[in-house]
């Protein structure tokens, strides 16, 4: 039977799917810091598929700073594709992360228990292992195999860690608790999701232990309409 939340931290399971409504979440431009809004549609970096910009001008200005991590990320993905011999997995994994940014952010927040222990954000990361689903519709390309909490040093790549630290510093400078790291991986290909989080007192999400079943439900059904209740933009997703 579907689960119903009297005061949902997520959309009720019974609400209709919204595959045609792409949920982008809340993001900030990595150059100027502007928040995404209905009037300002952000552009995704075509290389790393993580960093967001409010305009082509900001993307051009930021390119000298973004170039090292962008090219490094692209090279890693290309190497993984050669190893796994499946380019579609890499493309679909990036689409998956973009489609489920709100869900992955909420899951990471719950898994690391950031409302109760905000310091966990500096010590741990969440790894989500996926398996490809052959023949599935475009919005149902993966299944969740497992989730596990790991030490932050599980990510050993210096450039990736430096980029996470930069976001961490930016978040704390503006009053947040830091950068939550969610690592989504499948068949040797991984995507790092850096999520800047406000202090728990400013986030209205309640603490939930059923986050694994919520994650599994939305991924298995291919739903992209997950909407955690929150009073602030930060805590959703910042590219």
C-alpha atoms as a PDB file:
ATOM      1  CA  UNK A   1       0.000   0.000   0.000  1.00  0.00           C
ATOM      2  CA  UNK A   2       1.185   3.561  -0.669  1.00  0.00           C
ATOM      3  CA  UNK A   3       2.525   5.530   2.260  1.00  0.00           C
ATOM      4  CA  UNK A   4       0.719   8.700   3.301  1.00  0.00           C
ATOM      5  CA  UNK A   5       2.302  11.469   5.331  1.00  0.00           C
ATOM      6  CA  UNK A   6      -0.018  13.655   7.426  1.00  0.00           C
ATOM      7  CA  UNK A   7       2.574  16.418   7.185  1.00  0.00           C
ATOM      8  CA  UNK A   8       4.702  15.181   4.293  1.00  0.00           C
ATOM      9  CA  UNK A   9       8.413  15.759   4.028  1.00  0.00           C
ATOM     10  CA  UNK A  10       7.882  14.710   0.441  1.00  0.00           C
ATOM     11  CA  UNK A  11       5.017  14.599  -2.001  1.00  0.00           C
ATOM     12  CA  UNK A  12       2.552  11.857  -1.111  1.00  0.00           C
ATOM     13  CA  UNK A  13       3.013   8.655  -3.057  1.00  0.00           C
ATOM     14  CA  UNK A  14      -0.572   8.987  -4.274  1.00  0.00           C
ATOM     15  CA  UNK A  15       0.043  12.246  -6.151  1.00  0.00           C
ATOM     16  CA  UNK A  16       0.219  11.797  -9.959  1.00  0.00           C
ATOM     17  CA  UNK A  17       3.603  11.495 -11.680  1.00  0.00           C
ATOM     18  CA  UNK A  18       4.885  14.598 -13.454  1.00  0.00           C
ATOM     19  CA  UNK A  19       7.328  13.270 -16.047  1.00  0.00           C
ATOM     20  CA  UNK A  20       6.629  16.181 -18.353  1.00  0.00           C
ATOM     21  CA  UNK A  21       7.401  18.720 -15.647  1.00  0.00           C
ATOM     22  CA  UNK A  22      11.136  18.853 -15.176  1.00  0.00           C
ATOM     23  CA  UNK A  23      11.944  19.818 -11.623  1.00  0.00           C
ATOM     24  CA  UNK A  24      15.153  21.793 -11.462  1.00  0.00           C
ATOM     25  CA  UNK A  25      15.163  22.652  -7.781  1.00  0.00           C
ATOM     26  CA  UNK A  26      16.876  25.791  -6.485  1.00  0.00           C
ATOM     27  CA  UNK A  27      20.379  26.564  -7.673  1.00  0.00           C
ATOM     28  CA  UNK A  28      22.798  29.465  -7.657  1.00  0.00           C
ATOM     29  CA  UNK A  29      25.043  30.721 -10.407  1.00  0.00           C
ATOM     30  CA  UNK A  30      28.605  29.641  -9.686  1.00  0.00           C
ATOM     31  CA  UNK A  31      29.880  32.989 -10.966  1.00  0.00           C
ATOM     32  CA  UNK A  32      27.597  35.726  -9.633  1.00  0.00           C
ATOM     33  CA  UNK A  33      25.631  33.883  -6.935  1.00  0.00           C
ATOM     34  CA  UNK A  34      22.197  34.678  -8.361  1.00  0.00           C
ATOM     35  CA  UNK A  35      19.465  32.234  -7.368  1.00  0.00           C
ATOM     36  CA  UNK A  36      17.479  30.411 -10.013  1.00  0.00           C
ATOM     37  CA  UNK A  37      13.910  31.598 -10.490  1.00  0.00           C
ATOM     38  CA  UNK A  38      11.114  31.016 -13.018  1.00  0.00           C
ATOM     39  CA  UNK A  39      12.279  34.150 -14.819  1.00  0.00           C
ATOM     40  CA  UNK A  40      15.929  33.061 -14.945  1.00  0.00           C
ATOM     41  CA  UNK A  41      16.431  29.576 -16.352  1.00  0.00           C
ATOM     42  CA  UNK A  42      19.890  28.300 -15.553  1.00  0.00           C
ATOM     43  CA  UNK A  43      22.239  26.595 -17.995  1.00  0.00           C
ATOM     44  CA  UNK A  44      24.169  23.460 -17.151  1.00  0.00           C
ATOM     45  CA  UNK A  45      27.878  23.193 -17.932  1.00  0.00           C
ATOM     46  CA  UNK A  46      28.051  20.834 -20.893  1.00  0.00           C
ATOM     47  CA  UNK A  47      31.341  19.358 -19.709  1.00  0.00           C
ATOM     48  CA  UNK A  48      30.956  18.362 -16.053  1.00  0.00           C
ATOM     49  CA  UNK A  49      27.127  18.493 -16.093  1.00  0.00           C
ATOM     50  CA  UNK A  50      27.194  19.736 -12.491  1.00  0.00           C
ATOM     51  CA  UNK A  51      27.963  23.463 -12.372  1.00  0.00           C
ATOM     52  CA  UNK A  52      25.147  25.910 -13.116  1.00  0.00           C
ATOM     53  CA  UNK A  53      25.155  29.422 -14.567  1.00  0.00           C
ATOM     54  CA  UNK A  54      22.474  32.062 -14.903  1.00  0.00           C
ATOM     55  CA  UNK A  55      23.756  33.227 -18.291  1.00  0.00           C
ATOM     56  CA  UNK A  56      26.265  32.527 -21.017  1.00  0.00           C
ATOM     57  CA  UNK A  57      28.176  35.631 -19.932  1.00  0.00           C
ATOM     58  CA  UNK A  58      28.700  34.270 -16.406  1.00  0.00           C
ATOM     59  CA  UNK A  59      29.741  30.931 -17.855  1.00  0.00           C
ATOM     60  CA  UNK A  60      32.394  32.597 -20.012  1.00  0.00           C
ATOM     61  CA  UNK A  61      33.709  34.711 -17.139  1.00  0.00           C
ATOM     62  CA  UNK A  62      33.949  31.711 -14.826  1.00  0.00           C
ATOM     63  CA  UNK A  63      35.514  29.343 -17.368  1.00  0.00           C
ATOM     64  CA  UNK A  64      39.186  30.033 -16.440  1.00  0.00           C
ATOM     65  CA  UNK A  65      38.400  29.029 -12.834  1.00  0.00           C
ATOM     66  CA  UNK A  66      36.093  26.161 -13.753  1.00  0.00           C
ATOM     67  CA  UNK A  67      38.243  24.717 -16.559  1.00  0.00           C
ATOM     68  CA  UNK A  68      40.537  22.452 -14.454  1.00  0.00           C
ATOM     69  CA  UNK A  69      37.773  20.626 -12.571  1.00  0.00           C
ATOM     70  CA  UNK A  70      35.524  20.526 -15.641  1.00  0.00           C
ATOM     71  CA  UNK A  71      38.134  18.943 -17.902  1.00  0.00           C
ATOM     72  CA  UNK A  72      39.189  16.597 -15.130  1.00  0.00           C
ATOM     73  CA  UNK A  73      35.611  15.424 -14.564  1.00  0.00           C
ATOM     74  CA  UNK A  74      35.023  14.961 -18.290  1.00  0.00           C
ATOM     75  CA  UNK A  75      38.222  12.928 -18.632  1.00  0.00           C
ATOM     76  CA  UNK A  76      37.209  10.680 -15.733  1.00  0.00           C
ATOM     77  CA  UNK A  77      33.813  10.019 -17.297  1.00  0.00           C
ATOM     78  CA  UNK A  78      35.414   9.250 -20.673  1.00  0.00           C
ATOM     79  CA  UNK A  79      37.812   6.818 -19.025  1.00  0.00           C
ATOM     80  CA  UNK A  80      34.955   5.101 -17.220  1.00  0.00           C
ATOM     81  CA  UNK A  81      33.000   4.855 -20.479  1.00  0.00           C
ATOM     82  CA  UNK A  82      35.939   3.150 -22.189  1.00  0.00           C
ATOM     83  CA  UNK A  83      36.198   0.747 -19.281  1.00  0.00           C
ATOM     84  CA  UNK A  84      32.516  -0.118 -19.156  1.00  0.00           C
ATOM     85  CA  UNK A  85      31.946   0.251 -22.911  1.00  0.00           C
ATOM     86  CA  UNK A  86      28.574   1.853 -22.308  1.00  0.00           C
ATOM     87  CA  UNK A  87      28.277   5.549 -23.057  1.00  0.00           C
ATOM     88  CA  UNK A  88      24.553   5.489 -22.366  1.00  0.00           C
ATOM     89  CA  UNK A  89      25.107   4.733 -18.690  1.00  0.00           C
ATOM     90  CA  UNK A  90      27.162   7.928 -18.277  1.00  0.00           C
ATOM     91  CA  UNK A  91      24.592  10.042 -20.115  1.00  0.00           C
ATOM     92  CA  UNK A  92      21.661   8.515 -18.277  1.00  0.00           C
ATOM     93  CA  UNK A  93      23.399   8.855 -14.922  1.00  0.00           C
ATOM     94  CA  UNK A  94      23.834  12.582 -15.464  1.00  0.00           C
ATOM     95  CA  UNK A  95      20.202  12.930 -16.482  1.00  0.00           C
ATOM     96  CA  UNK A  96      19.212  10.922 -13.424  1.00  0.00           C
ATOM     97  CA  UNK A  97      21.088  13.261 -11.072  1.00  0.00           C
ATOM     98  CA  UNK A  98      19.618  16.345 -12.737  1.00  0.00           C
ATOM     99  CA  UNK A  99      16.104  14.900 -12.623  1.00  0.00           C
ATOM    100  CA  UNK A 100      16.301  13.853  -8.981  1.00  0.00           C
ATOM    101  CA  UNK A 101      18.246  16.728  -7.419  1.00  0.00           C
ATOM    102  CA  UNK A 102      15.568  17.481  -4.813  1.00  0.00           C
ATOM    103  CA  UNK A 103      15.177  13.819  -3.908  1.00  0.00           C
ATOM    104  CA  UNK A 104      18.935  13.195  -3.606  1.00  0.00           C
ATOM    105  CA  UNK A 105      19.403  16.311  -1.485  1.00  0.00           C
ATOM    106  CA  UNK A 106      16.633  15.311   0.928  1.00  0.00           C
ATOM    107  CA  UNK A 107      17.919  11.734   1.119  1.00  0.00           C
ATOM    108  CA  UNK A 108      21.456  12.935   1.873  1.00  0.00           C
ATOM    109  CA  UNK A 109      20.167  15.281   4.569  1.00  0.00           C
ATOM    110  CA  UNK A 110      18.236  12.455   6.222  1.00  0.00           C
ATOM    111  CA  UNK A 111      20.911   9.759   5.829  1.00  0.00           C
ATOM    112  CA  UNK A 112      23.587  11.898   7.468  1.00  0.00           C
ATOM    113  CA  UNK A 113      21.126  13.040  10.175  1.00  0.00           C
ATOM    114  CA  UNK A 114      22.076  16.669   9.629  1.00  0.00           C
ATOM    115  CA  UNK A 115      19.239  18.088  11.691  1.00  0.00           C
ATOM    116  CA  UNK A 116      20.492  16.268  14.782  1.00  0.00           C
ATOM    117  CA  UNK A 117      24.226  16.218  13.972  1.00  0.00           C
ATOM    118  CA  UNK A 118      25.130  19.062  11.582  1.00  0.00           C
ATOM    119  CA  UNK A 119      28.835  18.260  12.012  1.00  0.00           C
ATOM    120  CA  UNK A 120      28.299  15.052  10.012  1.00  0.00           C
ATOM    121  CA  UNK A 121      28.367  17.153   6.874  1.00  0.00           C
ATOM    122  CA  UNK A 122      32.128  17.617   7.276  1.00  0.00           C
ATOM    123  CA  UNK A 123      32.873  13.987   8.103  1.00  0.00           C
ATOM    124  CA  UNK A 124      30.642  11.816   5.955  1.00  0.00           C
ATOM    125  CA  UNK A 125      29.178  11.415   2.487  1.00  0.00           C
ATOM    126  CA  UNK A 126      26.348   9.286   1.115  1.00  0.00           C
ATOM    127  CA  UNK A 127      27.012   6.758  -1.647  1.00  0.00           C
ATOM    128  CA  UNK A 128      24.064   5.532  -3.728  1.00  0.00           C
ATOM    129  CA  UNK A 129      24.790   2.495  -5.898  1.00  0.00           C
ATOM    130  CA  UNK A 130      22.535   2.019  -8.912  1.00  0.00           C
ATOM    131  CA  UNK A 131      22.024  -0.747 -11.461  1.00  0.00           C
ATOM    132  CA  UNK A 132      20.938  -0.079 -15.068  1.00  0.00           C
ATOM    133  CA  UNK A 133      17.528  -1.291 -16.204  1.00  0.00           C
ATOM    134  CA  UNK A 134      17.672  -2.448 -19.804  1.00  0.00           C
ATOM    135  CA  UNK A 135      14.659  -1.693 -21.916  1.00  0.00           C
ATOM    136  CA  UNK A 136      13.199   0.695 -19.366  1.00  0.00           C
ATOM    137  CA  UNK A 137      11.568   3.995 -20.263  1.00  0.00           C
ATOM    138  CA  UNK A 138      13.818   7.051 -20.286  1.00  0.00           C
ATOM    139  CA  UNK A 139      12.638   8.068 -16.811  1.00  0.00           C
ATOM    140  CA  UNK A 140      13.195   4.559 -15.357  1.00  0.00           C
ATOM    141  CA  UNK A 141      16.757   3.716 -16.375  1.00  0.00           C
ATOM    142  CA  UNK A 142      18.072   2.734 -12.948  1.00  0.00           C
ATOM    143  CA  UNK A 143      17.234   0.801  -9.800  1.00  0.00           C
ATOM    144  CA  UNK A 144      18.701   1.426  -6.360  1.00  0.00           C
ATOM    145  CA  UNK A 145      21.020  -1.396  -5.312  1.00  0.00           C
ATOM    146  CA  UNK A 146      22.303  -0.034  -2.010  1.00  0.00           C
ATOM    147  CA  UNK A 147      23.045   3.084   0.001  1.00  0.00           C
ATOM    148  CA  UNK A 148      25.881   3.557   2.464  1.00  0.00           C
ATOM    149  CA  UNK A 149      27.391   6.279   4.563  1.00  0.00           C
ATOM    150  CA  UNK A 150      31.138   6.654   4.076  1.00  0.00           C
ATOM    151  CA  UNK A 151      33.881   8.915   5.332  1.00  0.00           C
ATOM    152  CA  UNK A 152      34.372  12.091   3.320  1.00  0.00           C
ATOM    153  CA  UNK A 153      37.856  10.885   2.354  1.00  0.00           C
ATOM    154  CA  UNK A 154      36.161   8.093   0.365  1.00  0.00           C
ATOM    155  CA  UNK A 155      36.466  10.655  -2.419  1.00  0.00           C
ATOM    156  CA  UNK A 156      40.224  10.711  -2.907  1.00  0.00           C
ATOM    157  CA  UNK A 157      40.446  12.865  -6.007  1.00  0.00           C
ATOM    158  CA  UNK A 158      42.291  16.106  -5.071  1.00  0.00           C
ATOM    159  CA  UNK A 159      40.578  18.283  -7.692  1.00  0.00           C
ATOM    160  CA  UNK A 160      37.112  17.058  -6.759  1.00  0.00           C
ATOM    161  CA  UNK A 161      37.864  17.565  -3.066  1.00  0.00           C
ATOM    162  CA  UNK A 162      39.151  21.074  -3.771  1.00  0.00           C
ATOM    163  CA  UNK A 163      35.926  21.926  -5.601  1.00  0.00           C
ATOM    164  CA  UNK A 164      33.866  20.558  -2.705  1.00  0.00           C
ATOM    165  CA  UNK A 165      35.945  22.598  -0.258  1.00  0.00           C
ATOM    166  CA  UNK A 166      35.366  25.746  -2.320  1.00  0.00           C
ATOM    167  CA  UNK A 167      31.620  25.210  -2.140  1.00  0.00           C
ATOM    168  CA  UNK A 168      31.922  24.336   1.544  1.00  0.00           C
ATOM    169  CA  UNK A 169      33.679  27.634   2.275  1.00  0.00           C
ATOM    170  CA  UNK A 170      31.172  29.607   0.227  1.00  0.00           C
ATOM    171  CA  UNK A 171      28.253  28.043   2.052  1.00  0.00           C
ATOM    172  CA  UNK A 172      29.676  28.645   5.512  1.00  0.00           C
ATOM    173  CA  UNK A 173      30.603  32.214   4.619  1.00  0.00           C
ATOM    174  CA  UNK A 174      26.922  32.874   3.909  1.00  0.00           C
ATOM    175  CA  UNK A 175      25.778  31.198   7.144  1.00  0.00           C
ATOM    176  CA  UNK A 176      25.255  27.603   6.042  1.00  0.00           C
ATOM    177  CA  UNK A 177      26.674  24.474   7.659  1.00  0.00           C
ATOM    178  CA  UNK A 178      28.624  23.349   4.603  1.00  0.00           C
ATOM    179  CA  UNK A 179      28.526  21.192   1.497  1.00  0.00           C
ATOM    180  CA  UNK A 180      26.727  17.866   1.664  1.00  0.00           C
ATOM    181  CA  UNK A 181      28.246  15.264  -0.676  1.00  0.00           C
ATOM    182  CA  UNK A 182      26.114  12.632  -2.387  1.00  0.00           C
ATOM    183  CA  UNK A 183      27.947  10.246  -4.719  1.00  0.00           C
ATOM    184  CA  UNK A 184      25.786   8.398  -7.248  1.00  0.00           C
ATOM    185  CA  UNK A 185      27.488   5.559  -9.110  1.00  0.00           C
ATOM    186  CA  UNK A 186      26.776   2.755 -11.549  1.00  0.00           C
ATOM    187  CA  UNK A 187      29.094   0.301 -13.324  1.00  0.00           C
ATOM    188  CA  UNK A 188      32.253   2.217 -12.486  1.00  0.00           C
ATOM    189  CA  UNK A 189      30.806   5.592 -13.501  1.00  0.00           C
ATOM    190  CA  UNK A 190      30.102   8.101 -10.749  1.00  0.00           C
ATOM    191  CA  UNK A 191      28.552  11.526 -10.354  1.00  0.00           C
ATOM    192  CA  UNK A 192      29.322  13.738  -7.363  1.00  0.00           C
ATOM    193  CA  UNK A 193      26.423  15.887  -6.166  1.00  0.00           C
ATOM    194  CA  UNK A 194      27.615  18.866  -4.054  1.00  0.00           C
ATOM    195  CA  UNK A 195      24.716  20.295  -2.032  1.00  0.00           C
ATOM    196  CA  UNK A 196      25.106  23.434   0.068  1.00  0.00           C
ATOM    197  CA  UNK A 197      22.980  23.274   3.222  1.00  0.00           C
ATOM    198  CA  UNK A 198      21.615  25.980   5.510  1.00  0.00           C
ATOM    199  CA  UNK A 199      21.550  25.566   9.306  1.00  0.00           C
ATOM    200  CA  UNK A 200      18.921  22.952  10.296  1.00  0.00           C
ATOM    201  CA  UNK A 201      16.987  25.654  12.140  1.00  0.00           C
ATOM    202  CA  UNK A 202      16.244  27.290   8.781  1.00  0.00           C
ATOM    203  CA  UNK A 203      15.145  24.068   7.088  1.00  0.00           C
ATOM    204  CA  UNK A 204      11.640  22.839   7.830  1.00  0.00           C
ATOM    205  CA  UNK A 205      12.262  19.206   6.913  1.00  0.00           C
ATOM    206  CA  UNK A 206      11.421  16.816   9.702  1.00  0.00           C
ATOM    207  CA  UNK A 207      13.687  13.893  10.585  1.00  0.00           C
ATOM    208  CA  UNK A 208      12.617  10.697   8.835  1.00  0.00           C
ATOM    209  CA  UNK A 209      13.957   7.148   8.985  1.00  0.00           C
ATOM    210  CA  UNK A 210      12.000   5.971   5.944  1.00  0.00           C
ATOM    211  CA  UNK A 211      14.226   7.776   3.440  1.00  0.00           C
ATOM    212  CA  UNK A 212      15.492   4.498   1.854  1.00  0.00           C
ATOM    213  CA  UNK A 213      11.950   3.436   0.934  1.00  0.00           C
ATOM    214  CA  UNK A 214      11.136   6.936  -0.342  1.00  0.00           C
ATOM    215  CA  UNK A 215      14.267   6.902  -2.506  1.00  0.00           C
ATOM    216  CA  UNK A 216      13.463   3.451  -3.839  1.00  0.00           C
ATOM    217  CA  UNK A 217       9.869   4.371  -4.631  1.00  0.00           C
ATOM    218  CA  UNK A 218      10.680   7.492  -6.627  1.00  0.00           C
ATOM    219  CA  UNK A 219      13.541   5.866  -8.534  1.00  0.00           C
ATOM    220  CA  UNK A 220      11.644   2.659  -9.341  1.00  0.00           C
ATOM    221  CA  UNK A 221       8.577   4.559 -10.510  1.00  0.00           C
ATOM    222  CA  UNK A 222      10.636   7.122 -12.419  1.00  0.00           C
ATOM    223  CA  UNK A 223       8.873   9.981 -10.689  1.00  0.00           C
ATOM    224  CA  UNK A 224      10.567  13.373 -10.685  1.00  0.00           C
ATOM    225  CA  UNK A 225       7.934  15.282  -8.687  1.00  0.00           C
ATOM    226  CA  UNK A 226       9.524  14.903  -5.248  1.00  0.00           C
ATOM    227  CA  UNK A 227       9.020  18.146  -3.301  1.00  0.00           C
ATOM    228  CA  UNK A 228      10.420  18.343   0.230  1.00  0.00           C
ATOM    229  CA  UNK A 229       8.863  21.016   2.405  1.00  0.00           C
ATOM    230  CA  UNK A 230      11.382  23.742   3.079  1.00  0.00           C
ATOM    231  CA  UNK A 231      11.401  27.425   3.946  1.00  0.00           C
ATOM    232  CA  UNK A 232      14.701  28.167   2.229  1.00  0.00           C
ATOM    233  CA  UNK A 233      16.205  27.634  -1.176  1.00  0.00           C
ATOM    234  CA  UNK A 234      19.483  26.317   0.167  1.00  0.00           C
ATOM    235  CA  UNK A 235      19.361  22.709   1.170  1.00  0.00           C
ATOM    236  CA  UNK A 236      17.859  21.722  -2.169  1.00  0.00           C
ATOM    237  CA  UNK A 237      20.721  21.788  -4.674  1.00  0.00           C
ATOM    238  CA  UNK A 238      23.449  24.141  -5.692  1.00  0.00           C
ATOM    239  CA  UNK A 239      25.510  23.360  -8.775  1.00  0.00           C
END
